[in-house]
Protein backbone atom coordinates (compact mmCIF):
# COMPACT_ATOMS: atom_id res chain seq x y z
CA MET A 1 8.50 61.06 51.85
CA ALA A 2 10.16 64.20 51.10
CA ILE A 3 13.93 64.65 51.46
CA LEU A 4 14.73 67.51 53.91
CA GLN A 5 17.68 68.66 55.92
CA SER A 6 17.02 67.00 59.30
CA ARG A 7 18.70 69.58 61.23
CA THR A 8 17.82 72.32 63.58
CA ARG A 9 17.15 75.08 61.03
CA THR A 10 14.52 72.92 59.50
CA GLY A 11 12.73 72.86 62.96
CA ILE A 12 13.12 76.62 63.06
CA SER A 13 11.69 77.01 59.84
CA TRP A 14 8.57 74.85 60.82
CA VAL A 15 7.98 77.17 63.85
CA THR A 16 8.23 80.41 61.69
CA GLU A 17 6.00 79.03 59.19
CA SER A 18 3.42 77.77 61.85
CA ILE A 19 3.32 81.42 63.20
CA ALA A 20 2.90 82.81 59.67
CA LEU A 21 0.10 80.33 59.21
CA PHE A 22 -1.50 81.29 62.53
CA ARG A 23 -1.34 85.00 61.57
CA GLN A 24 -3.37 84.31 58.32
CA ALA A 25 -6.50 83.36 60.24
CA PRO A 26 -6.05 83.74 64.10
CA ARG A 27 -9.66 83.77 64.94
CA GLN A 28 -10.40 80.62 62.94
CA TRP A 29 -7.37 78.91 64.75
CA LEU A 30 -8.44 80.01 68.29
CA SER A 31 -11.84 78.83 67.56
CA LEU A 32 -10.41 75.50 66.49
CA ALA A 33 -8.26 75.28 69.63
CA LEU A 34 -11.27 76.17 71.68
CA VAL A 35 -13.09 73.14 70.42
CA TYR A 36 -10.04 70.95 70.83
CA LEU A 37 -9.91 72.16 74.53
CA GLY A 38 -13.51 71.57 75.05
CA LEU A 39 -13.67 68.09 73.54
CA PHE A 40 -10.25 66.55 74.75
CA VAL A 41 -9.57 68.28 77.83
CA LEU A 42 -12.54 69.96 79.67
CA LEU A 43 -15.38 67.58 78.66
CA PRO A 44 -13.75 64.39 79.86
CA SER A 45 -12.89 65.97 83.26
CA ILE A 46 -16.30 66.94 84.16
CA PRO A 47 -17.50 64.68 87.20
CA GLY A 48 -19.87 61.99 85.89
CA LEU A 49 -18.74 62.37 82.17
CA GLN A 50 -15.49 60.49 82.59
CA LEU A 51 -16.77 57.81 80.15
CA LEU A 52 -16.73 60.24 77.58
CA ALA A 53 -12.92 60.31 77.58
CA PHE A 54 -13.21 57.04 75.81
CA VAL A 55 -15.34 58.39 73.13
CA THR A 56 -13.10 61.50 72.64
CA ILE A 57 -9.97 59.33 72.35
CA LEU A 58 -11.73 57.52 69.53
CA ILE A 59 -12.59 60.59 67.67
CA TRP A 60 -9.37 62.18 68.10
CA PRO A 61 -7.84 61.13 64.70
CA ILE A 62 -11.00 62.20 62.83
CA PHE A 63 -10.80 65.73 64.52
CA ILE A 64 -7.04 65.99 63.61
CA ALA A 65 -7.59 65.05 59.98
CA VAL A 66 -10.39 67.76 59.77
CA ALA A 67 -8.04 70.44 61.41
CA MET A 68 -5.24 69.76 58.97
CA ARG A 69 -7.43 70.02 56.06
CA PHE A 70 -8.48 73.47 57.57
CA TYR A 71 -4.77 74.45 57.89
CA ARG A 72 -4.10 73.22 54.36
CA ASN A 73 -7.15 75.24 52.87
CA VAL A 74 -5.99 78.41 54.51
CA GLU A 75 -2.38 78.04 53.37
CA VAL A 76 -3.65 77.50 49.60
CA LYS A 77 -6.34 79.99 50.16
CA LYS A 78 -9.23 77.52 49.50
CA THR A 79 -12.73 77.70 50.99
CA GLU A 80 -13.93 74.33 52.24
CA ASN A 81 -16.86 73.92 54.66
CA LEU A 82 -16.87 71.34 57.49
CA GLN A 83 -19.52 69.23 55.52
CA ALA A 84 -17.16 69.06 52.29
CA ILE A 85 -14.25 68.00 54.46
CA MET A 86 -16.20 65.29 56.29
CA GLN A 87 -17.53 63.85 52.80
CA LEU A 88 -13.76 63.83 51.63
CA ILE A 89 -12.72 61.56 54.66
CA GLN A 90 -15.93 59.79 54.81
CA PRO A 91 -14.35 56.75 52.96
CA ARG A 92 -11.50 56.80 55.51
CA MET A 93 -13.58 57.11 58.60
CA ARG A 94 -13.41 53.28 59.69
CA LEU A 95 -9.64 53.38 59.55
CA LEU A 96 -9.49 56.64 61.36
CA THR A 97 -11.83 55.10 64.19
CA LEU A 98 -9.42 52.05 64.18
CA LEU A 99 -6.59 54.46 64.80
CA GLY A 100 -8.48 56.01 67.67
CA LEU A 101 -9.10 52.41 69.04
CA VAL A 102 -5.30 52.02 68.95
CA HIS A 103 -4.87 55.17 70.97
CA LEU A 104 -7.55 54.09 73.50
CA LEU A 105 -5.83 50.60 74.06
CA TYR A 106 -2.66 52.36 74.62
CA PHE A 107 -4.17 54.68 77.13
CA VAL A 108 -5.60 51.78 78.79
CA LEU A 109 -2.16 49.99 78.99
CA VAL A 110 -0.68 53.01 80.25
CA SER A 111 -3.37 53.75 82.89
CA LEU A 112 -2.75 50.18 84.14
CA LEU A 113 0.96 50.81 84.30
CA VAL A 114 0.72 54.05 86.29
CA SER A 115 -2.41 53.30 88.39
CA ALA A 116 -0.25 53.31 91.48
CA ASP A 117 1.54 56.44 90.80
CA MET A 118 -1.84 58.23 90.00
CA GLN A 119 -3.00 57.23 93.56
CA VAL A 120 0.16 58.91 95.01
CA LEU A 121 -0.49 62.04 92.90
CA SER A 122 -4.00 62.27 93.80
CA GLY A 123 -3.20 61.89 97.47
CA ILE A 124 -0.58 64.62 97.22
CA LEU A 125 -2.85 67.01 95.50
CA GLU A 126 -5.62 66.45 98.25
CA ARG A 127 -3.26 67.39 100.96
CA GLN A 128 -1.31 70.17 99.36
CA GLN A 129 -3.13 72.88 101.09
CA GLU A 130 -2.13 71.46 104.48
CA MET A 131 1.47 70.93 103.70
CA ASP A 132 4.21 72.91 105.02
CA GLU A 133 7.33 74.02 102.93
CA GLN A 134 9.27 70.87 103.78
CA GLU A 135 6.47 68.57 103.11
CA LEU A 136 5.74 70.50 99.68
CA ALA A 137 9.48 70.09 98.77
CA ALA A 138 9.45 66.29 99.43
CA ALA A 139 6.20 66.12 97.54
CA LEU A 140 7.77 67.74 94.59
CA GLN A 141 10.59 65.19 94.65
CA THR A 142 8.05 62.41 94.60
CA MET A 143 6.02 63.96 91.80
CA MET A 144 8.85 64.75 89.39
CA PRO A 145 9.83 61.23 88.50
CA ILE A 146 6.04 60.28 88.04
CA PHE A 147 5.74 63.08 85.47
CA PHE A 148 8.80 62.12 83.79
CA LYS A 149 7.75 58.56 83.61
CA LEU A 150 4.40 59.72 82.10
CA VAL A 151 6.18 61.76 79.54
CA LEU A 152 8.24 58.71 78.56
CA LEU A 153 5.31 56.49 78.40
CA PHE A 154 3.34 58.80 75.96
CA ILE A 155 6.10 59.71 73.65
CA PRO A 156 5.56 56.43 71.62
CA LEU A 157 1.90 57.41 71.44
CA MET A 158 2.81 60.84 70.04
CA ILE A 159 4.99 59.32 67.43
CA ILE A 160 2.46 56.87 66.37
CA SER A 161 -0.16 59.64 66.05
CA TRP A 162 1.93 62.59 64.90
CA PHE A 163 1.43 61.93 61.21
CA SER A 164 -0.95 58.82 60.76
CA PRO A 165 -4.35 60.57 60.85
CA MET A 166 -3.49 62.57 57.81
CA LEU A 167 -1.57 59.65 56.12
CA ILE A 168 -4.90 57.73 56.50
CA ALA A 169 -7.23 60.45 55.71
CA PHE A 170 -5.30 62.16 52.64
CA ASN A 171 -2.56 59.95 51.46
CA GLN A 172 -4.94 56.71 51.30
CA TYR A 173 -2.55 54.66 53.50
CA PRO A 174 -3.88 51.53 55.33
CA LEU A 175 -3.51 51.66 59.07
CA GLY A 176 -0.46 49.46 59.51
CA LYS A 177 1.52 51.55 56.85
CA ALA A 178 0.37 54.92 58.32
CA ILE A 179 1.35 53.91 61.84
CA LYS A 180 4.87 52.83 60.42
CA SER A 181 5.38 55.70 58.27
CA SER A 182 4.54 58.07 61.06
CA ILE A 183 7.13 56.36 63.28
CA ALA A 184 9.59 56.52 60.34
CA GLY A 185 8.95 60.13 59.73
CA CYS A 186 9.28 61.08 63.31
CA LEU A 187 12.71 59.18 63.64
CA GLN A 188 14.19 60.30 60.30
CA TYR A 189 13.41 63.98 61.31
CA ILE A 190 13.80 63.66 65.06
CA ILE A 191 16.22 66.46 65.27
CA ALA A 192 14.02 68.90 63.39
CA LEU A 193 10.92 67.87 65.47
CA VAL A 194 12.68 68.28 68.84
CA ALA A 195 14.16 71.40 67.77
CA ALA A 196 10.62 72.77 66.83
CA TRP A 197 9.02 71.30 70.05
CA LEU A 198 11.82 73.14 72.17
CA LEU A 199 11.47 76.62 70.41
CA LEU A 200 7.64 76.28 70.55
CA SER A 201 7.71 75.38 74.26
CA ALA A 202 10.38 78.26 74.80
CA ALA A 203 8.08 80.76 72.98
CA MET A 204 4.97 79.79 74.93
CA MET A 205 6.92 80.07 78.11
CA THR A 206 8.06 83.46 77.33
CA LEU A 207 4.59 84.61 76.31
CA MET A 208 3.33 83.24 79.61
CA MET A 209 5.89 85.26 81.54
CA ALA A 210 5.22 88.36 79.66
CA ALA A 211 1.40 87.97 80.33
CA SER A 212 2.19 87.24 83.90
CA VAL A 213 4.16 90.63 84.24
CA LEU A 214 1.35 92.28 82.36
CA ALA A 215 -1.18 90.95 84.90
CA GLY A 216 0.72 91.80 87.79
CA PHE A 217 0.90 95.56 86.58
CA PHE A 218 -2.91 95.52 86.14
CA ALA A 219 -3.22 93.84 89.57
CA MET A 220 -1.66 96.73 91.16
CA VAL A 221 -3.55 99.19 89.15
CA MET A 222 -6.95 97.36 89.12
CA PRO A 223 -6.86 94.82 91.76
CA VAL A 224 -10.76 94.04 91.52
CA ILE A 225 -10.22 92.64 87.90
CA ALA A 226 -6.88 91.27 88.61
CA GLN A 227 -7.76 87.57 89.04
CA PHE A 228 -10.16 87.68 86.04
CA LEU A 229 -7.65 89.36 83.81
CA VAL A 230 -4.83 86.73 84.83
CA SER A 231 -7.25 83.68 84.23
CA THR A 232 -8.20 85.32 80.74
CA ILE A 233 -4.64 85.78 79.78
CA VAL A 234 -3.57 82.35 80.76
CA PHE A 235 -6.59 80.84 78.76
CA GLY A 236 -5.69 82.79 75.76
CA CYS A 237 -2.14 81.77 75.96
CA PHE A 238 -3.11 78.20 76.19
CA LEU A 239 -5.37 78.54 73.04
CA ILE A 240 -2.51 80.06 71.07
CA GLY A 241 -0.19 77.18 72.24
CA ILE A 242 -2.85 74.64 70.97
CA ALA A 243 -3.44 76.53 67.65
CA LEU A 244 0.26 76.78 66.99
CA THR A 245 0.98 73.00 67.84
CA LEU A 246 -1.72 72.07 65.19
CA ALA A 247 0.03 74.50 62.64
CA PHE A 248 3.32 72.77 63.54
CA GLN A 249 1.79 69.32 62.95
CA TYR A 250 0.36 70.25 59.54
CA VAL A 251 3.60 71.99 58.36
CA SER A 252 5.95 69.03 59.42
CA TYR A 253 3.53 66.64 57.67
CA ARG A 254 3.14 68.63 54.69
CA ASP A 255 7.02 68.98 54.17
CA ILE A 256 7.88 65.46 55.16
CA PHE A 257 5.25 63.69 53.06
CA ARG A 258 4.46 66.36 50.49
CA ALA A 259 0.70 66.10 50.93
CA ALA A 260 -1.26 67.28 47.92
């Protein structure tokens, strides 16, 4: 593990490097983000295909390992197609799948813990169109603690999985050591990681606000296409957010573990 200054400026440097890496191949990263969105967000939410959510959780570490290799190749200006990357990580595929199984078991455990809360949220969302202002305010007060609880429950999973796919695929770590090292890396550089997360979130919120202002202007000038334009801008901002998050995951892994 590399020795870095675990301070705010390290997190800031990770964000600036992530943006610089994004600018090297924006179309490639947006395409990668689109695949991520389709596989892990949209596909499992299609009615009748919810069972695919279990499959996507299992293959998530494999996807992350492949994505990190693409980011590394762009940074070092190396050309390597998907087939070559899959051949590279093939010997580690079993361990990556086991890591996905760990994620799946954690998701199942969290689902059992929050099943009652999710029923409450579902009921609120079903009745939101019929609520008046007072009922909406009361519903918001009910929803906020649930969201906070969900965030707290998923933080350990994020810590476990932030570095472990790459450590398994490229550093040849066994499963247990990869998970322990991911936890140790996150805790040791928690200030830098949190600073980078906050800065990235603030940047994306600023971008969304600017996009909303622009969409509002076009809504006054061309109201016919306003709704389509707003949806397109929001979707584009979401893809940029995914691409930058993956870039941040790569640069933090590279610096902390000095990946070859």
